Amino acid sequence: TEIDWKAYMEEVEGFANGTLDYTQLKGNTGPLVYPAGFVYIFLGLYYATGRGMDVRLAQYLFAGLYLLNLLLVFRIYCRTNKVPPYVFFFMCCASYRIHSIFVLRLFNDPVAMAILFLAINLFLEERWSWGCLLFSLAVSVKMNILLFAPGLLFLLLQRFGLLGCIPKLCICALLQVILGLPFLLVNPMGYLTRSFDLGRQFQFKWTVNWRFLPEEVFQNRAFHAMLLLAHLAGLGLFAVHRWHRSKESILALLKNPAERKQPSPPLTTNNILWQVFVLFSSNFLGICCSRSLHYQFYVWYFHTLPYLLWCTPTAKLAHMPKVLLLGVIELCWNTYPSTVCSSLSLHICHGLVLLQLWYGTAPPPVLHSHTPSRRPAAISKKAQ
């Protein structure tokens, strides 16, 4: 179970020995393909565990990370107050695969997700600058965090307008430059092509979601382009018809909030529900259109599924089908190797979640319009 851990340690060992050419950082599973934040975090684990030799200590550290991740997730769910308490039992105790990803396999995915959930907590507290900093740090550990980026961009535009969100985006970009600077100075193209390789091919034998396709279709570039178009179309439809909450055109998001016909909503429970919905649904759309899902990728959205299922109005008799849906998704992810039946079932479950998100989340009541003030509304220091 420690194959990936050994590979991580071999990859960061090269950096510990002074190698700054990113193309020369390799492990027994291949070259290093993660951004620089991964290197620094796992370099710390490398030294903390006796150059990676004390795997048991690493497992204890990841067990602590697992508990911290749950705390951050529970805090988000506590703020939304949407999910019934009994569902948290399934989140904590019923997923063998998640426990394996954290404590047995020691993947970098849970590290990135824990940082992401910390960033979301900061967004909900209106600490946008700190949240953007943590969001960028999570991206520097693994790029799957970028699936949340369309939703975050929408929230930033809604809260600050185009000019106001530029400083927040600069925070994200600047941290990436700072973290990657040692490698950018030595071999910039090597670092960019290795750590942010969006065209990387996945092996068919590891796919969880596309097992029912012939391998030649799975590897076909046209199929990848079709998935990308479906992803962009889904984001566009959700942005216009489910995320946007004003009668104004969506282009009004580009304006200064003080110049819009309707004000930015205050930090209320309904607004928190909406923010979490935008971020979680943005990520889920990316999951549904992913070129391939590997077993460790389950942690990308496992902790968001209860909210996605229960954020819509739920009748008493509808609770059990939602629990059943969680169980079928869990079963699909625990089928190894994946089968035609398991991958088809996973897509059916994803489709059902998408349908209930679309039909169960009609745009909330429109805020009462007001006459815009000539003086721009001040943004609180906390939001800055």
Foldseek 3Di string as FASTA:
>chain_A
DAQVLQFLLQQLVCVVVPDLAQQPRTGPVGGFQAFLLQSVVVVVVCVVCVSSPNLQVLLVVLVVLVVLLVVLLVVLCVLLVFFDPVVVCCVPPVFPLQSCLRRVHPDLVSVLSSLLSVLLVLVLVLQLLVSLLSLLSSCRSPVLSCLLVLLVVLVLLLAFAQVGCVVSVVSSVVVSCVSSVSNCVPPVVSNCCRRVPPPDDDDLQFFLAPQLDDVVLLRDVVLLVVLVVQLVVVSVCCSQWFLDQAPDHSNCSNDGQLPDQAHRDDSDSVVSLSSLCSSLVSSLSCVLSDSGDGLSCCVVRLSVLSCLLRVFDDDPVRPVVSVVLNVLCSVSSPDPPHHSVSNVSNNVSSVVSVVCSNVRRGRDHHDDTDDRDPDRDDDDPSND
